[in-house]
Amino acid sequence: MDAASPEPSLYTVKAVFILDNDGNRLLSKYYDPELYPSIKEQRNFESNIFNKTHKADNEIAFLEGLTIVYKSSIDLFFYVAGSAQENELMLMSVLSCLFDSLTHILRKNVERKCLLENMEGAFLVVDEIIDGGVILESDHQQVLQKVNYRADDNPLTEQSVTQHLTEKLALTSNVLQSAKDQIKWSILK
């Protein structure tokens, strides 16, 4: 591997956000605390990327040292950002999973009003796909199953939210235990 290229990392996603057709933030999660530490910096970045992409026919943009994939639907713009060296296909798989999951949850009404009415479901979907910048899932069927959502059901209940949080806590505990085991193993070597 080239000495100048960065070490591979599981922390693929730097940010995910959804803007309306005026460039206003509806949902955002930033996973790199050093990237844009303040809300003002985040909004400036979102405004810059929106201005660059809202009239473009592309699916990918490069801005401020980041690779950004994006998609629009009616009055929403979906964005997934990664480092400049990140594989665009990985980022696109996250974007597709997010879009397909929300399409199902919003009953194919992927528009601002429906998203705002189902914001808890949108955050659950994002949390199932990405955890701390690590891609956990890229199959929207698996995501929908994990958030316990079916198109013919009522919106998410408190029980499904609690179940999701419990599963997320268990997953985090398993990841931490695995990391501890790897550290022990490397010390014993």
Protein backbone atom coordinates (compact mmCIF):
# COMPACT_ATOMS: atom_id res chain seq x y z
CA MET A 1 0.00 0.00 0.00
CA ASP A 2 1.22 3.52 -0.76
CA ALA A 3 2.73 5.34 2.22
CA ALA A 4 0.64 8.46 1.47
CA SER A 5 -2.72 6.66 1.39
CA PRO A 6 -4.68 6.54 4.66
CA GLU A 7 -5.26 3.36 6.60
CA PRO A 8 -8.53 1.60 5.77
CA SER A 9 -11.26 2.28 8.29
CA LEU A 10 -14.72 1.06 9.13
CA TYR A 11 -15.71 4.69 9.73
CA THR A 12 -16.98 5.19 6.20
CA VAL A 13 -19.73 7.78 6.61
CA LYS A 14 -18.91 11.29 7.82
CA ALA A 15 -22.45 12.67 7.64
CA VAL A 16 -25.96 11.95 6.43
CA PHE A 17 -28.58 14.65 6.02
CA ILE A 18 -31.89 15.41 4.35
CA LEU A 19 -32.76 18.90 3.13
CA ASP A 20 -35.98 20.31 1.74
CA ASN A 21 -36.19 21.99 -1.66
CA ASP A 22 -35.21 25.33 -0.09
CA GLY A 23 -32.04 23.85 1.42
CA ASN A 24 -33.41 23.75 4.98
CA ARG A 25 -32.27 20.92 7.22
CA LEU A 26 -34.90 18.33 8.10
CA LEU A 27 -32.64 15.55 9.42
CA SER A 28 -28.90 15.40 9.92
CA LYS A 29 -26.32 13.27 11.68
CA TYR A 30 -22.62 14.05 11.67
CA TYR A 31 -20.33 11.21 12.72
CA ASP A 32 -16.95 12.97 12.73
CA PRO A 33 -16.88 15.51 15.57
CA GLU A 34 -13.85 17.26 14.08
CA LEU A 35 -15.42 17.73 10.64
CA TYR A 36 -17.97 20.44 11.45
CA PRO A 37 -18.09 20.82 15.23
CA SER A 38 -20.70 23.59 15.39
CA ILE A 39 -24.24 23.79 14.07
CA LYS A 40 -23.29 26.95 12.17
CA GLU A 41 -20.46 25.14 10.34
CA GLN A 42 -22.76 22.21 9.57
CA ARG A 43 -25.43 24.50 8.13
CA ASN A 44 -22.86 26.37 6.05
CA PHE A 45 -21.62 23.08 4.63
CA GLU A 46 -25.20 21.94 3.93
CA SER A 47 -25.96 25.24 2.24
CA ASN A 48 -22.83 24.98 0.06
CA ILE A 49 -23.57 21.43 -1.01
CA PHE A 50 -27.24 22.24 -1.65
CA ASN A 51 -26.29 25.22 -3.84
CA LYS A 52 -23.91 23.01 -5.79
CA THR A 53 -26.28 20.07 -6.24
CA HIS A 54 -29.94 21.16 -6.25
CA LYS A 55 -29.99 21.87 -10.00
CA ALA A 56 -27.46 19.25 -11.08
CA ASP A 57 -28.30 15.92 -12.70
CA ASN A 58 -25.33 14.13 -11.15
CA GLU A 59 -25.36 11.73 -8.23
CA ILE A 60 -21.96 12.57 -6.80
CA ALA A 61 -20.16 15.73 -5.76
CA PHE A 62 -16.78 16.59 -4.28
CA LEU A 63 -16.69 19.51 -1.87
CA GLU A 64 -14.40 20.57 0.98
CA GLY A 65 -12.40 17.36 0.83
CA LEU A 66 -15.47 15.12 0.97
CA THR A 67 -17.16 12.74 -1.42
CA ILE A 68 -20.91 13.31 -1.34
CA VAL A 69 -23.55 11.16 -3.01
CA TYR A 70 -27.05 12.52 -3.28
CA LYS A 71 -30.53 11.91 -4.59
CA SER A 72 -33.67 14.03 -4.82
CA SER A 73 -37.34 13.18 -4.64
CA ILE A 74 -40.18 15.67 -5.08
CA ASP A 75 -39.16 18.28 -2.46
CA LEU A 76 -36.43 16.40 -0.57
CA PHE A 77 -32.68 16.02 -1.10
CA PHE A 78 -30.85 13.08 0.50
CA TYR A 79 -27.08 13.28 1.09
CA VAL A 80 -24.43 10.87 2.36
CA ALA A 81 -20.89 12.21 2.82
CA GLY A 82 -17.61 10.34 3.22
CA SER A 83 -13.92 11.20 3.00
CA ALA A 84 -12.36 12.12 -0.34
CA GLN A 85 -10.81 8.62 -0.57
CA GLU A 86 -14.06 6.82 0.19
CA ASN A 87 -15.54 4.39 -2.30
CA GLU A 88 -18.53 6.06 -3.94
CA LEU A 89 -20.29 2.72 -4.34
CA MET A 90 -20.24 2.16 -0.58
CA LEU A 91 -21.71 5.58 0.02
CA MET A 92 -24.28 5.01 -2.73
CA SER A 93 -25.36 1.73 -1.11
CA VAL A 94 -26.05 3.64 2.12
CA LEU A 95 -27.98 6.31 0.23
CA SER A 96 -30.05 3.71 -1.63
CA CYS A 97 -30.82 1.83 1.57
CA LEU A 98 -31.87 5.06 3.30
CA PHE A 99 -34.04 6.15 0.38
CA ASP A 100 -35.68 2.73 -0.11
CA SER A 101 -36.35 2.33 3.63
CA LEU A 102 -37.93 5.77 3.88
CA THR A 103 -39.93 5.16 0.70
CA HIS A 104 -41.46 2.13 2.41
CA ILE A 105 -42.07 3.88 5.74
CA LEU A 106 -43.57 6.93 4.03
CA ARG A 107 -45.78 4.69 1.89
CA LYS A 108 -44.17 5.95 -1.32
CA ASN A 109 -44.95 9.59 -0.38
CA VAL A 110 -41.32 10.68 -0.15
CA GLU A 111 -42.00 14.33 0.46
CA ARG A 112 -41.37 16.90 3.17
CA LYS A 113 -44.75 16.73 4.93
CA CYS A 114 -44.74 12.93 5.21
CA LEU A 115 -41.12 12.90 6.39
CA LEU A 116 -41.87 15.43 9.14
CA GLU A 117 -44.87 13.35 10.27
CA ASN A 118 -42.67 10.22 10.48
CA MET A 119 -39.44 11.72 11.77
CA GLU A 120 -38.99 9.12 14.54
CA GLY A 121 -39.07 6.38 11.91
CA ALA A 122 -36.55 8.27 9.78
CA PHE A 123 -34.11 8.55 12.70
CA LEU A 124 -34.54 4.87 13.51
CA VAL A 125 -33.76 3.98 9.90
CA VAL A 126 -30.62 6.13 9.90
CA ASP A 127 -29.51 4.54 13.19
CA GLU A 128 -30.02 1.05 11.79
CA ILE A 129 -28.00 1.81 8.66
CA ILE A 130 -25.12 3.74 10.28
CA ASP A 131 -23.69 3.67 13.77
CA GLY A 132 -21.01 6.21 14.56
CA GLY A 133 -19.99 6.37 10.90
CA VAL A 134 -19.79 2.57 10.50
CA ILE A 135 -22.14 1.04 7.94
CA LEU A 136 -24.20 -1.63 9.69
CA GLU A 137 -26.73 -2.48 7.00
CA SER A 138 -27.30 -1.75 3.33
CA ASP A 139 -30.37 -3.90 2.66
CA HIS A 140 -33.56 -1.92 3.19
CA GLN A 141 -35.60 -5.10 3.90
CA GLN A 142 -33.30 -5.90 6.82
CA VAL A 143 -33.52 -2.33 8.08
CA LEU A 144 -37.32 -2.38 7.96
CA GLN A 145 -37.38 -5.70 9.74
CA LYS A 146 -35.06 -4.40 12.47
CA VAL A 147 -37.13 -1.28 13.09
CA ASN A 148 -40.19 -3.52 13.20
CA TYR A 149 -42.13 -1.59 10.59
CA ARG A 150 -44.65 -2.88 8.11
CA ALA A 151 -46.46 -0.81 5.49
CA ASP A 152 -49.89 -1.96 6.67
CA ASP A 153 -49.19 -1.19 10.34
CA ASN A 154 -49.73 2.03 12.17
CA PRO A 155 -46.70 4.27 12.66
CA LEU A 156 -43.96 3.05 14.98
CA THR A 157 -45.08 2.37 18.53
CA GLU A 158 -43.29 2.98 21.79
CA GLN A 159 -42.67 -0.76 22.02
CA SER A 160 -40.91 -0.90 18.64
CA VAL A 161 -38.79 2.15 19.58
CA THR A 162 -37.88 0.53 22.90
CA GLN A 163 -37.15 -2.77 21.14
CA HIS A 164 -34.91 -0.94 18.65
CA LEU A 165 -32.99 0.82 21.40
CA THR A 166 -32.56 -2.43 23.33
CA GLU A 167 -31.21 -4.21 20.23
CA LYS A 168 -28.91 -1.26 19.51
CA LEU A 169 -27.53 -1.39 23.06
CA ALA A 170 -26.94 -5.14 22.75
CA LEU A 171 -25.16 -4.65 19.41
CA THR A 172 -22.96 -1.91 20.90
CA SER A 173 -22.12 -4.19 23.85
CA ASN A 174 -21.18 -6.99 21.45
CA VAL A 175 -18.96 -4.66 19.40
CA LEU A 176 -17.23 -3.42 22.56
CA GLN A 177 -16.69 -6.98 23.81
CA SER A 178 -15.26 -7.98 20.44
CA ALA A 179 -12.88 -5.01 20.52
CA LYS A 180 -11.77 -5.95 24.04
CA ASP A 181 -11.17 -9.52 22.91
CA GLN A 182 -9.09 -8.34 19.95
CA ILE A 183 -7.01 -6.12 22.21
CA LYS A 184 -6.41 -9.01 24.61
CA TRP A 185 -5.47 -11.29 21.71
CA SER A 186 -3.00 -8.76 20.27
CA ILE A 187 -1.41 -8.28 23.73
CA LEU A 188 -1.06 -12.03 24.22
CA LYS A 189 0.71 -12.37 20.87
